[in-house]
PDB file of N, CA and C in Angstrom:
ATOM      1  N   UNK A   1      -1.664  -5.674 -20.773  1.00  0.00           N
ATOM      2  CA  UNK A   1      -2.585  -5.433 -19.669  1.00  0.00           C
ATOM      3  C   UNK A   1      -2.069  -4.240 -18.861  1.00  0.00           C
ATOM      4  N   UNK A   2      -2.997  -3.378 -18.482  1.00  0.00           N
ATOM      5  CA  UNK A   2      -2.674  -2.214 -17.661  1.00  0.00           C
ATOM      6  C   UNK A   2      -3.558  -2.239 -16.433  1.00  0.00           C
ATOM      7  N   UNK A   3      -3.014  -1.797 -15.319  1.00  0.00           N
ATOM      8  CA  UNK A   3      -3.831  -1.722 -14.115  1.00  0.00           C
ATOM      9  C   UNK A   3      -3.421  -0.518 -13.290  1.00  0.00           C
ATOM     10  N   UNK A   4      -4.376  -0.041 -12.511  1.00  0.00           N
ATOM     11  CA  UNK A   4      -4.140   1.154 -11.700  1.00  0.00           C
ATOM     12  C   UNK A   4      -4.977   1.074 -10.439  1.00  0.00           C
ATOM     13  N   UNK A   5      -4.326   1.276  -9.272  1.00  0.00           N
ATOM     14  CA  UNK A   5      -5.045   1.357  -8.006  1.00  0.00           C
ATOM     15  C   UNK A   5      -5.485   2.799  -7.828  1.00  0.00           C
ATOM     16  N   UNK A   6      -6.726   2.980  -7.430  1.00  0.00           N
ATOM     17  CA  UNK A   6      -7.226   4.332  -7.201  1.00  0.00           C
ATOM     18  C   UNK A   6      -8.148   4.355  -5.988  1.00  0.00           C
ATOM     19  N   UNK A   7      -8.333   5.560  -5.466  1.00  0.00           N
ATOM     20  CA  UNK A   7      -9.292   5.783  -4.389  1.00  0.00           C
ATOM     21  C   UNK A   7     -10.490   6.487  -5.009  1.00  0.00           C
ATOM     22  N   UNK A   8     -11.673   6.001  -4.714  1.00  0.00           N
ATOM     23  CA  UNK A   8     -12.903   6.566  -5.266  1.00  0.00           C
ATOM     24  C   UNK A   8     -13.232   7.871  -4.545  1.00  0.00           C
ATOM     25  N   UNK A   9     -13.445   8.930  -5.324  1.00  0.00           N
ATOM     26  CA  UNK A   9     -13.774  10.239  -4.760  1.00  0.00           C
ATOM     27  C   UNK A   9     -15.201  10.667  -5.073  1.00  0.00           C
ATOM     28  N   UNK A  10     -15.949   9.853  -5.791  1.00  0.00           N
ATOM     29  CA  UNK A  10     -17.338  10.193  -6.097  1.00  0.00           C
ATOM     30  C   UNK A  10     -18.098  10.425  -4.799  1.00  0.00           C
ATOM     31  N   UNK A  11     -18.864  11.485  -4.743  1.00  0.00           N
ATOM     32  CA  UNK A  11     -19.553  11.886  -3.523  1.00  0.00           C
ATOM     33  C   UNK A  11     -20.380  10.762  -2.902  1.00  0.00           C
ATOM     34  N   UNK A  12     -21.069   9.999  -3.722  1.00  0.00           N
ATOM     35  CA  UNK A  12     -21.915   8.920  -3.218  1.00  0.00           C
ATOM     36  C   UNK A  12     -21.370   7.536  -3.578  1.00  0.00           C
ATOM     37  N   UNK A  13     -20.113   7.476  -3.932  1.00  0.00           N
ATOM     38  CA  UNK A  13     -19.539   6.198  -4.332  1.00  0.00           C
ATOM     39  C   UNK A  13     -20.074   5.778  -5.696  1.00  0.00           C
ATOM     40  N   UNK A  14     -19.995   4.512  -5.972  1.00  0.00           N
ATOM     41  CA  UNK A  14     -20.444   3.990  -7.263  1.00  0.00           C
ATOM     42  C   UNK A  14     -21.823   3.351  -7.081  1.00  0.00           C
ATOM     43  N   UNK A  15     -22.837   4.207  -6.907  1.00  0.00           N
ATOM     44  CA  UNK A  15     -24.215   3.760  -6.753  1.00  0.00           C
ATOM     45  C   UNK A  15     -24.873   3.724  -8.125  1.00  0.00           C
ATOM     46  N   UNK A  16     -26.157   3.517  -8.170  1.00  0.00           N
ATOM     47  CA  UNK A  16     -26.875   3.269  -9.428  1.00  0.00           C
ATOM     48  C   UNK A  16     -26.556   4.264 -10.540  1.00  0.00           C
ATOM     49  N   UNK A  17     -26.726   5.545 -10.293  1.00  0.00           N
ATOM     50  CA  UNK A  17     -26.521   6.544 -11.349  1.00  0.00           C
ATOM     51  C   UNK A  17     -25.063   6.588 -11.808  1.00  0.00           C
ATOM     52  N   UNK A  18     -24.142   6.667 -10.850  1.00  0.00           N
ATOM     53  CA  UNK A  18     -22.730   6.743 -11.231  1.00  0.00           C
ATOM     54  C   UNK A  18     -22.229   5.409 -11.796  1.00  0.00           C
ATOM     55  N   UNK A  19     -22.777   4.291 -11.324  1.00  0.00           N
ATOM     56  CA  UNK A  19     -22.389   2.980 -11.870  1.00  0.00           C
ATOM     57  C   UNK A  19     -22.830   2.872 -13.323  1.00  0.00           C
ATOM     58  N   UNK A  20     -24.017   3.395 -13.630  1.00  0.00           N
ATOM     59  CA  UNK A  20     -24.507   3.389 -15.009  1.00  0.00           C
ATOM     60  C   UNK A  20     -23.598   4.221 -15.909  1.00  0.00           C
ATOM     61  N   UNK A  21     -23.178   5.376 -15.408  1.00  0.00           N
ATOM     62  CA  UNK A  21     -22.254   6.230 -16.179  1.00  0.00           C
ATOM     63  C   UNK A  21     -20.910   5.523 -16.377  1.00  0.00           C
ATOM     64  N   UNK A  22     -20.432   4.864 -15.317  1.00  0.00           N
ATOM     65  CA  UNK A  22     -19.157   4.146 -15.410  1.00  0.00           C
ATOM     66  C   UNK A  22     -19.231   3.065 -16.477  1.00  0.00           C
ATOM     67  N   UNK A  23     -20.300   2.275 -16.441  1.00  0.00           N
ATOM     68  CA  UNK A  23     -20.473   1.192 -17.418  1.00  0.00           C
ATOM     69  C   UNK A  23     -20.523   1.767 -18.835  1.00  0.00           C
ATOM     70  N   UNK A  24     -21.196   2.893 -19.010  1.00  0.00           N
ATOM     71  CA  UNK A  24     -21.245   3.538 -20.327  1.00  0.00           C
ATOM     72  C   UNK A  24     -19.863   3.932 -20.812  1.00  0.00           C
ATOM     73  N   UNK A  25     -19.070   4.504 -19.915  1.00  0.00           N
ATOM     74  CA  UNK A  25     -17.706   4.900 -20.286  1.00  0.00           C
ATOM     75  C   UNK A  25     -16.844   3.672 -20.577  1.00  0.00           C
ATOM     76  N   UNK A  26     -16.947   2.648 -19.720  1.00  0.00           N
ATOM     77  CA  UNK A  26     -16.160   1.427 -19.903  1.00  0.00           C
ATOM     78  C   UNK A  26     -16.529   0.719 -21.203  1.00  0.00           C
ATOM     79  N   UNK A  27     -17.816   0.716 -21.522  1.00  0.00           N
ATOM     80  CA  UNK A  27     -18.290   0.026 -22.720  1.00  0.00           C
ATOM     81  C   UNK A  27     -17.855   0.706 -24.014  1.00  0.00           C
ATOM     82  N   UNK A  28     -17.432   1.942 -23.918  1.00  0.00           N
ATOM     83  CA  UNK A  28     -16.952   2.664 -25.097  1.00  0.00           C
ATOM     84  C   UNK A  28     -15.589   2.150 -25.568  1.00  0.00           C
ATOM     85  N   UNK A  29     -14.928   1.377 -24.740  1.00  0.00           N
ATOM     86  CA  UNK A  29     -13.599   0.847 -25.073  1.00  0.00           C
ATOM     87  C   UNK A  29     -13.703  -0.612 -25.510  1.00  0.00           C
ATOM     88  N   UNK A  30     -12.843  -0.996 -26.436  1.00  0.00           N
ATOM     89  CA  UNK A  30     -12.827  -2.390 -26.882  1.00  0.00           C
ATOM     90  C   UNK A  30     -12.117  -3.296 -25.879  1.00  0.00           C
ATOM     91  N   UNK A  31     -11.301  -2.717 -25.014  1.00  0.00           N
ATOM     92  CA  UNK A  31     -10.572  -3.498 -24.013  1.00  0.00           C
ATOM     93  C   UNK A  31     -11.514  -4.149 -23.017  1.00  0.00           C
ATOM     94  N   UNK A  32     -11.077  -5.261 -22.481  1.00  0.00           N
ATOM     95  CA  UNK A  32     -11.776  -5.899 -21.369  1.00  0.00           C
ATOM     96  C   UNK A  32     -11.469  -5.053 -20.137  1.00  0.00           C
ATOM     97  N   UNK A  33     -12.494  -4.724 -19.349  1.00  0.00           N
ATOM     98  CA  UNK A  33     -12.323  -3.894 -18.157  1.00  0.00           C
ATOM     99  C   UNK A  33     -12.788  -4.683 -16.939  1.00  0.00           C
ATOM    100  N   UNK A  34     -11.942  -4.755 -15.932  1.00  0.00           N
ATOM    101  CA  UNK A  34     -12.308  -5.415 -14.685  1.00  0.00           C
ATOM    102  C   UNK A  34     -12.015  -4.489 -13.516  1.00  0.00           C
ATOM    103  N   UNK A  35     -12.814  -4.626 -12.467  1.00  0.00           N
ATOM    104  CA  UNK A  35     -12.630  -3.882 -11.230  1.00  0.00           C
ATOM    105  C   UNK A  35     -12.353  -4.901 -10.133  1.00  0.00           C
ATOM    106  N   UNK A  36     -11.318  -4.640  -9.338  1.00  0.00           N
ATOM    107  CA  UNK A  36     -10.975  -5.526  -8.232  1.00  0.00           C
ATOM    108  C   UNK A  36     -11.099  -4.745  -6.932  1.00  0.00           C
ATOM    109  N   UNK A  37     -11.898  -5.283  -6.007  1.00  0.00           N
ATOM    110  CA  UNK A  37     -12.056  -4.678  -4.690  1.00  0.00           C
ATOM    111  C   UNK A  37     -12.030  -5.798  -3.662  1.00  0.00           C
ATOM    112  N   UNK A  38     -11.118  -5.671  -2.718  1.00  0.00           N
ATOM    113  CA  UNK A  38     -10.996  -6.678  -1.646  1.00  0.00           C
ATOM    114  C   UNK A  38     -10.860  -8.095  -2.191  1.00  0.00           C
ATOM    115  N   UNK A  39     -10.089  -8.245  -3.252  1.00  0.00           N
ATOM    116  CA  UNK A  39      -9.839  -9.562  -3.824  1.00  0.00           C
ATOM    117  C   UNK A  39     -10.938 -10.087  -4.728  1.00  0.00           C
ATOM    118  N   UNK A  40     -12.023  -9.352  -4.871  1.00  0.00           N
ATOM    119  CA  UNK A  40     -13.140  -9.777  -5.726  1.00  0.00           C
ATOM    120  C   UNK A  40     -13.060  -9.029  -7.046  1.00  0.00           C
ATOM    121  N   UNK A  41     -13.130  -9.757  -8.151  1.00  0.00           N
ATOM    122  CA  UNK A  41     -13.052  -9.167  -9.488  1.00  0.00           C
ATOM    123  C   UNK A  41     -14.416  -9.212 -10.152  1.00  0.00           C
ATOM    124  N   UNK A  42     -14.822  -8.049 -10.723  1.00  0.00           N
ATOM    125  CA  UNK A  42     -16.084  -7.983 -11.465  1.00  0.00           C
ATOM    126  C   UNK A  42     -15.836  -7.315 -12.809  1.00  0.00           C
ATOM    127  N   UNK A  43     -16.697  -7.615 -13.743  1.00  0.00           N
ATOM    128  CA  UNK A  43     -16.641  -7.024 -15.080  1.00  0.00           C
ATOM    129  C   UNK A  43     -17.044  -5.545 -14.983  1.00  0.00           C
ATOM    130  N   UNK A  44     -16.163  -4.654 -15.412  1.00  0.00           N
ATOM    131  CA  UNK A  44     -16.427  -3.221 -15.358  1.00  0.00           C
ATOM    132  C   UNK A  44     -17.468  -2.753 -16.351  1.00  0.00           C
ATOM    133  N   UNK A  45     -17.900  -3.635 -17.225  1.00  0.00           N
ATOM    134  CA  UNK A  45     -18.935  -3.298 -18.203  1.00  0.00           C
ATOM    135  C   UNK A  45     -20.290  -3.882 -17.793  1.00  0.00           C
ATOM    136  N   UNK A  46     -20.370  -4.389 -16.573  1.00  0.00           N
ATOM    137  CA  UNK A  46     -21.595  -5.017 -16.074  1.00  0.00           C
ATOM    138  C   UNK A  46     -22.167  -4.204 -14.910  1.00  0.00           C
ATOM    139  N   UNK A  47     -23.341  -3.636 -15.111  1.00  0.00           N
ATOM    140  CA  UNK A  47     -23.975  -2.855 -14.048  1.00  0.00           C
ATOM    141  C   UNK A  47     -24.253  -3.737 -12.830  1.00  0.00           C
ATOM    142  N   UNK A  48     -24.670  -4.967 -13.054  1.00  0.00           N
ATOM    143  CA  UNK A  48     -24.952  -5.868 -11.935  1.00  0.00           C
ATOM    144  C   UNK A  48     -23.685  -6.208 -11.153  1.00  0.00           C
ATOM    145  N   UNK A  49     -22.598  -6.413 -11.873  1.00  0.00           N
ATOM    146  CA  UNK A  49     -21.328  -6.696 -11.200  1.00  0.00           C
ATOM    147  C   UNK A  49     -20.883  -5.536 -10.324  1.00  0.00           C
ATOM    148  N   UNK A  50     -20.968  -4.326 -10.869  1.00  0.00           N
ATOM    149  CA  UNK A  50     -20.564  -3.153 -10.108  1.00  0.00           C
ATOM    150  C   UNK A  50     -21.465  -2.917  -8.900  1.00  0.00           C
ATOM    151  N   UNK A  51     -22.768  -3.046  -9.104  1.00  0.00           N
ATOM    152  CA  UNK A  51     -23.702  -2.815  -8.012  1.00  0.00           C
ATOM    153  C   UNK A  51     -23.520  -3.842  -6.888  1.00  0.00           C
ATOM    154  N   UNK A  52     -23.169  -5.069  -7.246  1.00  0.00           N
ATOM    155  CA  UNK A  52     -22.992  -6.108  -6.233  1.00  0.00           C
ATOM    156  C   UNK A  52     -21.707  -5.928  -5.427  1.00  0.00           C
ATOM    157  N   UNK A  53     -20.799  -5.112  -5.939  1.00  0.00           N
ATOM    158  CA  UNK A  53     -19.518  -4.899  -5.265  1.00  0.00           C
ATOM    159  C   UNK A  53     -19.613  -3.853  -4.157  1.00  0.00           C
ATOM    160  N   UNK A  54     -20.571  -2.956  -4.217  1.00  0.00           N
ATOM    161  CA  UNK A  54     -20.782  -1.887  -3.241  1.00  0.00           C
ATOM    162  C   UNK A  54     -19.486  -1.091  -3.050  1.00  0.00           C
ATOM    163  N   UNK A  55     -19.293  -0.125  -3.910  1.00  0.00           N
ATOM    164  CA  UNK A  55     -18.087   0.706  -3.892  1.00  0.00           C
ATOM    165  C   UNK A  55     -18.447   2.077  -3.335  1.00  0.00           C
ATOM    166  N   UNK A  56     -17.848   2.418  -2.200  1.00  0.00           N
ATOM    167  CA  UNK A  56     -18.151   3.670  -1.509  1.00  0.00           C
ATOM    168  C   UNK A  56     -17.022   4.687  -1.675  1.00  0.00           C
ATOM    169  N   UNK A  57     -17.367   5.944  -1.416  1.00  0.00           N
ATOM    170  CA  UNK A  57     -16.371   7.019  -1.440  1.00  0.00           C
ATOM    171  C   UNK A  57     -15.261   6.680  -0.456  1.00  0.00           C
ATOM    172  N   UNK A  58     -14.018   6.911  -0.870  1.00  0.00           N
ATOM    173  CA  UNK A  58     -12.863   6.678  -0.017  1.00  0.00           C
ATOM    174  C   UNK A  58     -12.280   5.282  -0.105  1.00  0.00           C
ATOM    175  N   UNK A  59     -12.965   4.368  -0.771  1.00  0.00           N
ATOM    176  CA  UNK A  59     -12.462   3.003  -0.882  1.00  0.00           C
ATOM    177  C   UNK A  59     -11.454   2.894  -2.034  1.00  0.00           C
ATOM    178  N   UNK A  60     -10.507   1.975  -1.858  1.00  0.00           N
ATOM    179  CA  UNK A  60      -9.509   1.732  -2.893  1.00  0.00           C
ATOM    180  C   UNK A  60      -9.926   0.531  -3.726  1.00  0.00           C
ATOM    181  N   UNK A  61      -9.717   0.653  -5.025  1.00  0.00           N
ATOM    182  CA  UNK A  61      -9.959  -0.463  -5.926  1.00  0.00           C
ATOM    183  C   UNK A  61      -8.914  -0.433  -7.031  1.00  0.00           C
ATOM    184  N   UNK A  62      -8.880  -1.482  -7.804  1.00  0.00           N
ATOM    185  CA  UNK A  62      -7.950  -1.569  -8.920  1.00  0.00           C
ATOM    186  C   UNK A  62      -8.747  -1.713 -10.199  1.00  0.00           C
ATOM    187  N   UNK A  63      -8.397  -0.887 -11.188  1.00  0.00           N
ATOM    188  CA  UNK A  63      -8.977  -1.001 -12.524  1.00  0.00           C
ATOM    189  C   UNK A  63      -7.972  -1.767 -13.368  1.00  0.00           C
ATOM    190  N   UNK A  64      -8.426  -2.810 -14.038  1.00  0.00           N
ATOM    191  CA  UNK A  64      -7.569  -3.586 -14.932  1.00  0.00           C
ATOM    192  C   UNK A  64      -8.185  -3.538 -16.323  1.00  0.00           C
ATOM    193  N   UNK A  65      -7.379  -3.141 -17.292  1.00  0.00           N
ATOM    194  CA  UNK A  65      -7.839  -3.100 -18.680  1.00  0.00           C
ATOM    195  C   UNK A  65      -6.889  -3.939 -19.521  1.00  0.00           C
ATOM    196  N   UNK A  66      -7.458  -4.677 -20.458  1.00  0.00           N
ATOM    197  CA  UNK A  66      -6.653  -5.523 -21.325  1.00  0.00           C
ATOM    198  C   UNK A  66      -7.187  -5.413 -22.750  1.00  0.00           C
ATOM    199  N   UNK A  67      -6.370  -4.841 -23.628  1.00  0.00           N
ATOM    200  CA  UNK A  67      -6.779  -4.670 -25.017  1.00  0.00           C
ATOM    201  C   UNK A  67      -6.019  -3.533 -25.670  1.00  0.00           C
ATOM    202  N   UNK A  68      -6.394  -3.249 -26.900  1.00  0.00           N
ATOM    203  CA  UNK A  68      -5.622  -2.269 -27.668  1.00  0.00           C
ATOM    204  C   UNK A  68      -5.765  -0.837 -27.159  1.00  0.00           C
ATOM    205  N   UNK A  69      -6.865  -0.506 -26.477  1.00  0.00           N
ATOM    206  CA  UNK A  69      -7.036   0.852 -25.953  1.00  0.00           C
ATOM    207  C   UNK A  69      -7.003   0.881 -24.418  1.00  0.00           C
ATOM    208  N   UNK A  70      -6.255  -0.051 -23.840  1.00  0.00           N
ATOM    209  CA  UNK A  70      -6.223  -0.208 -22.385  1.00  0.00           C
ATOM    210  C   UNK A  70      -5.726   1.032 -21.643  1.00  0.00           C
ATOM    211  N   UNK A  71      -4.702   1.689 -22.168  1.00  0.00           N
ATOM    212  CA  UNK A  71      -4.161   2.871 -21.482  1.00  0.00           C
ATOM    213  C   UNK A  71      -5.183   4.001 -21.444  1.00  0.00           C
ATOM    214  N   UNK A  72      -5.844   4.236 -22.559  1.00  0.00           N
ATOM    215  CA  UNK A  72      -6.858   5.293 -22.609  1.00  0.00           C
ATOM    216  C   UNK A  72      -8.030   4.951 -21.694  1.00  0.00           C
ATOM    217  N   UNK A  73      -8.394   3.680 -21.647  1.00  0.00           N
ATOM    218  CA  UNK A  73      -9.486   3.247 -20.770  1.00  0.00           C
ATOM    219  C   UNK A  73      -9.139   3.511 -19.307  1.00  0.00           C
ATOM    220  N   UNK A  74      -7.941   3.163 -18.904  1.00  0.00           N
ATOM    221  CA  UNK A  74      -7.512   3.380 -17.515  1.00  0.00           C
ATOM    222  C   UNK A  74      -7.568   4.863 -17.166  1.00  0.00           C
ATOM    223  N   UNK A  75      -7.028   5.699 -18.026  1.00  0.00           N
ATOM    224  CA  UNK A  75      -7.006   7.144 -17.770  1.00  0.00           C
ATOM    225  C   UNK A  75      -8.426   7.702 -17.663  1.00  0.00           C
ATOM    226  N   UNK A  76      -9.290   7.321 -18.578  1.00  0.00           N
ATOM    227  CA  UNK A  76     -10.668   7.813 -18.590  1.00  0.00           C
ATOM    228  C   UNK A  76     -11.431   7.365 -17.347  1.00  0.00           C
ATOM    229  N   UNK A  77     -11.346   6.099 -17.015  1.00  0.00           N
ATOM    230  CA  UNK A  77     -12.092   5.566 -15.877  1.00  0.00           C
ATOM    231  C   UNK A  77     -11.527   6.064 -14.545  1.00  0.00           C
ATOM    232  N   UNK A  78     -10.222   6.215 -14.473  1.00  0.00           N
ATOM    233  CA  UNK A  78      -9.617   6.787 -13.267  1.00  0.00           C
ATOM    234  C   UNK A  78     -10.110   8.226 -13.086  1.00  0.00           C
ATOM    235  N   UNK A  79     -10.144   8.994 -14.166  1.00  0.00           N
ATOM    236  CA  UNK A  79     -10.631  10.365 -14.085  1.00  0.00           C
ATOM    237  C   UNK A  79     -12.060  10.438 -13.597  1.00  0.00           C
ATOM    238  N   UNK A  80     -12.893   9.533 -14.064  1.00  0.00           N
ATOM    239  CA  UNK A  80     -14.292   9.503 -13.635  1.00  0.00           C
ATOM    240  C   UNK A  80     -14.400   9.186 -12.136  1.00  0.00           C
ATOM    241  N   UNK A  81     -13.718   8.132 -11.684  1.00  0.00           N
ATOM    242  CA  UNK A  81     -13.810   7.727 -10.289  1.00  0.00           C
ATOM    243  C   UNK A  81     -13.119   8.691  -9.347  1.00  0.00           C
ATOM    244  N   UNK A  82     -12.191   9.486  -9.858  1.00  0.00           N
ATOM    245  CA  UNK A  82     -11.471  10.456  -9.048  1.00  0.00           C
ATOM    246  C   UNK A  82     -12.202  11.782  -8.920  1.00  0.00           C
ATOM    247  N   UNK A  83     -13.241  11.965  -9.730  1.00  0.00           N
ATOM    248  CA  UNK A  83     -13.993  13.231  -9.663  1.00  0.00           C
ATOM    249  C   UNK A  83     -14.937  13.180  -8.460  1.00  0.00           C
ATOM    250  N   UNK A  84     -15.358  14.327  -8.012  1.00  0.00           N
ATOM    251  CA  UNK A  84     -16.260  14.379  -6.851  1.00  0.00           C
ATOM    252  C   UNK A  84     -17.700  14.085  -7.247  1.00  0.00           C
ATOM    253  N   UNK A  85     -18.061  14.396  -8.502  1.00  0.00           N
ATOM    254  CA  UNK A  85     -19.420  14.143  -8.974  1.00  0.00           C
ATOM    255  C   UNK A  85     -19.358  13.377 -10.276  1.00  0.00           C
ATOM    256  N   UNK A  86     -19.977  12.209 -10.286  1.00  0.00           N
ATOM    257  CA  UNK A  86     -19.932  11.353 -11.466  1.00  0.00           C
ATOM    258  C   UNK A  86     -21.045  11.529 -12.417  1.00  0.00           C
TER     259      UNK A  86
END
């Protein structure tokens, strides 16, 4: 299992369009992907889970990946959330 705390830099946070892109990127990995924000854990491959979490620019969250490609998943998803435009 790998995990990484990051600050979201997406201009509009993880709203509908960027959440859809995130789910697409997360779903490309065989690893289980979870997002933790304020003690709440949601499936990183679920658009409904992400949308219900309300993730805004500047907020800190933790990405947790568990599986054979977990390290690559963490790096890819961190890069996406750290960019200014998703």
